[in-house]
Protein backbone atom coordinates (compact mmCIF):
# COMPACT_ATOMS: atom_id res chain seq x y z
CA UNK A 1 -28.72 -37.33 4.69
CA UNK A 2 -32.15 -36.49 5.99
CA UNK A 3 -32.34 -33.52 8.35
CA UNK A 4 -35.03 -31.25 9.75
CA UNK A 5 -34.68 -27.49 9.33
CA UNK A 6 -37.56 -25.21 10.35
CA UNK A 7 -39.81 -28.26 10.88
CA UNK A 8 -39.36 -29.38 7.25
CA UNK A 9 -37.43 -32.50 6.20
CA UNK A 10 -34.59 -32.09 3.70
CA UNK A 11 -32.44 -34.72 2.00
CA UNK A 12 -29.06 -33.00 1.83
CA UNK A 13 -25.77 -34.26 0.44
CA UNK A 14 -22.35 -32.68 0.66
CA UNK A 15 -22.11 -32.47 -3.13
CA UNK A 16 -25.59 -30.94 -3.29
CA UNK A 17 -24.64 -28.22 -0.81
CA UNK A 18 -21.40 -27.54 -2.72
CA UNK A 19 -23.36 -27.22 -5.96
CA UNK A 20 -25.98 -24.94 -4.36
CA UNK A 21 -23.32 -22.62 -2.94
CA UNK A 22 -21.29 -22.48 -6.16
CA UNK A 23 -21.19 -18.90 -7.39
CA UNK A 24 -22.76 -17.49 -4.21
CA UNK A 25 -20.77 -14.57 -2.81
CA UNK A 26 -20.32 -14.86 0.97
CA UNK A 27 -21.80 -12.12 3.11
CA UNK A 28 -19.82 -10.67 5.99
CA UNK A 29 -19.62 -13.13 8.87
CA UNK A 30 -20.61 -11.75 12.27
CA UNK A 31 -21.75 -14.90 14.06
CA UNK A 32 -22.04 -18.60 13.33
CA UNK A 33 -20.39 -19.66 10.08
CA UNK A 34 -19.82 -22.60 7.75
CA UNK A 35 -16.69 -23.19 5.65
CA UNK A 36 -17.69 -24.44 2.21
CA UNK A 37 -14.82 -24.95 -0.19
CA UNK A 38 -12.41 -22.10 0.46
CA UNK A 39 -15.08 -19.64 1.55
CA UNK A 40 -16.67 -18.92 4.90
CA UNK A 41 -20.39 -18.19 4.81
CA UNK A 42 -22.76 -17.05 7.57
CA UNK A 43 -24.85 -20.05 8.69
CA UNK A 44 -28.11 -18.24 7.93
CA UNK A 45 -27.00 -17.52 4.34
CA UNK A 46 -26.19 -21.19 3.79
CA UNK A 47 -29.54 -22.21 5.24
CA UNK A 48 -31.41 -19.77 3.02
CA UNK A 49 -29.66 -20.93 -0.17
CA UNK A 50 -29.88 -24.65 0.58
CA UNK A 51 -33.49 -24.74 1.86
CA UNK A 52 -34.90 -21.79 -0.13
CA UNK A 53 -36.61 -20.61 3.06
CA UNK A 54 -36.66 -17.22 4.71
CA UNK A 55 -33.86 -16.76 7.27
CA UNK A 56 -36.40 -15.99 9.98
CA UNK A 57 -37.88 -19.49 9.66
CA UNK A 58 -34.87 -21.39 11.04
CA UNK A 59 -32.07 -20.97 13.53
CA UNK A 60 -28.36 -20.94 12.81
CA UNK A 61 -28.02 -23.91 15.17
CA UNK A 62 -30.22 -26.05 12.90
CA UNK A 63 -28.01 -25.23 9.91
CA UNK A 64 -24.78 -25.82 11.86
CA UNK A 65 -26.03 -29.20 13.06
CA UNK A 66 -26.89 -30.30 9.50
CA UNK A 67 -23.66 -28.97 7.97
CA UNK A 68 -21.55 -30.61 10.68
CA UNK A 69 -23.22 -33.96 10.00
CA UNK A 70 -22.41 -33.52 6.31
CA UNK A 71 -18.74 -32.96 7.15
CA UNK A 72 -18.38 -29.21 6.73
CA UNK A 73 -16.32 -27.16 9.18
CA UNK A 74 -18.59 -24.99 11.31
CA UNK A 75 -17.82 -22.20 13.74
CA UNK A 76 -20.10 -21.03 16.55
CA UNK A 77 -20.31 -17.58 18.03
CA UNK A 78 -16.92 -16.08 18.82
CA UNK A 79 -16.18 -16.14 22.53
CA UNK A 80 -16.50 -12.73 24.14
CA UNK A 81 -13.14 -11.93 25.62
CA UNK A 82 -12.79 -9.00 27.98
CA UNK A 83 -9.35 -7.63 28.75
CA UNK A 84 -8.22 -9.07 32.07
CA UNK A 85 -6.51 -5.88 33.25
CA UNK A 86 -9.40 -3.51 32.49
CA UNK A 87 -11.18 -2.28 35.61
CA UNK A 88 -14.92 -2.85 35.80
CA UNK A 89 -16.83 0.31 34.91
CA UNK A 90 -20.19 1.31 36.23
CA UNK A 91 -22.95 1.67 33.63
CA UNK A 92 -22.65 5.47 33.89
CA UNK A 93 -18.87 5.36 33.34
CA UNK A 94 -19.26 2.94 30.44
CA UNK A 95 -21.89 5.14 28.75
CA UNK A 96 -19.71 8.22 29.26
CA UNK A 97 -16.70 6.45 27.73
CA UNK A 98 -18.75 5.18 24.80
CA UNK A 99 -20.18 8.61 24.02
CA UNK A 100 -16.83 10.33 24.48
CA UNK A 101 -18.06 12.51 27.30
CA UNK A 102 -16.11 13.75 30.29
CA UNK A 103 -14.53 11.10 32.47
CA UNK A 104 -16.67 10.34 35.53
CA UNK A 105 -14.96 9.18 38.71
């Protein structure tokens, strides 16, 4: 399948991606990710290995789009979920709580 990543065309196949990622240890996932085989890789790591480009040259969205079209399972950014019962804190109260300072009313 032909796809464009960082303004460069690539002819990618599912088997080619599997072969490229064979033996590559997954980094810790903190954002977008791609499931390849039994492992979950950060999207940027997959893009770097498959395209041999610097991670700053492409976006995770470009990699996710290509990997989804190839049939891999992709995950976007985790949804930020705030506790429903937590009262809204002012910026000063939030900073105080984060730094472990005295409680400000």
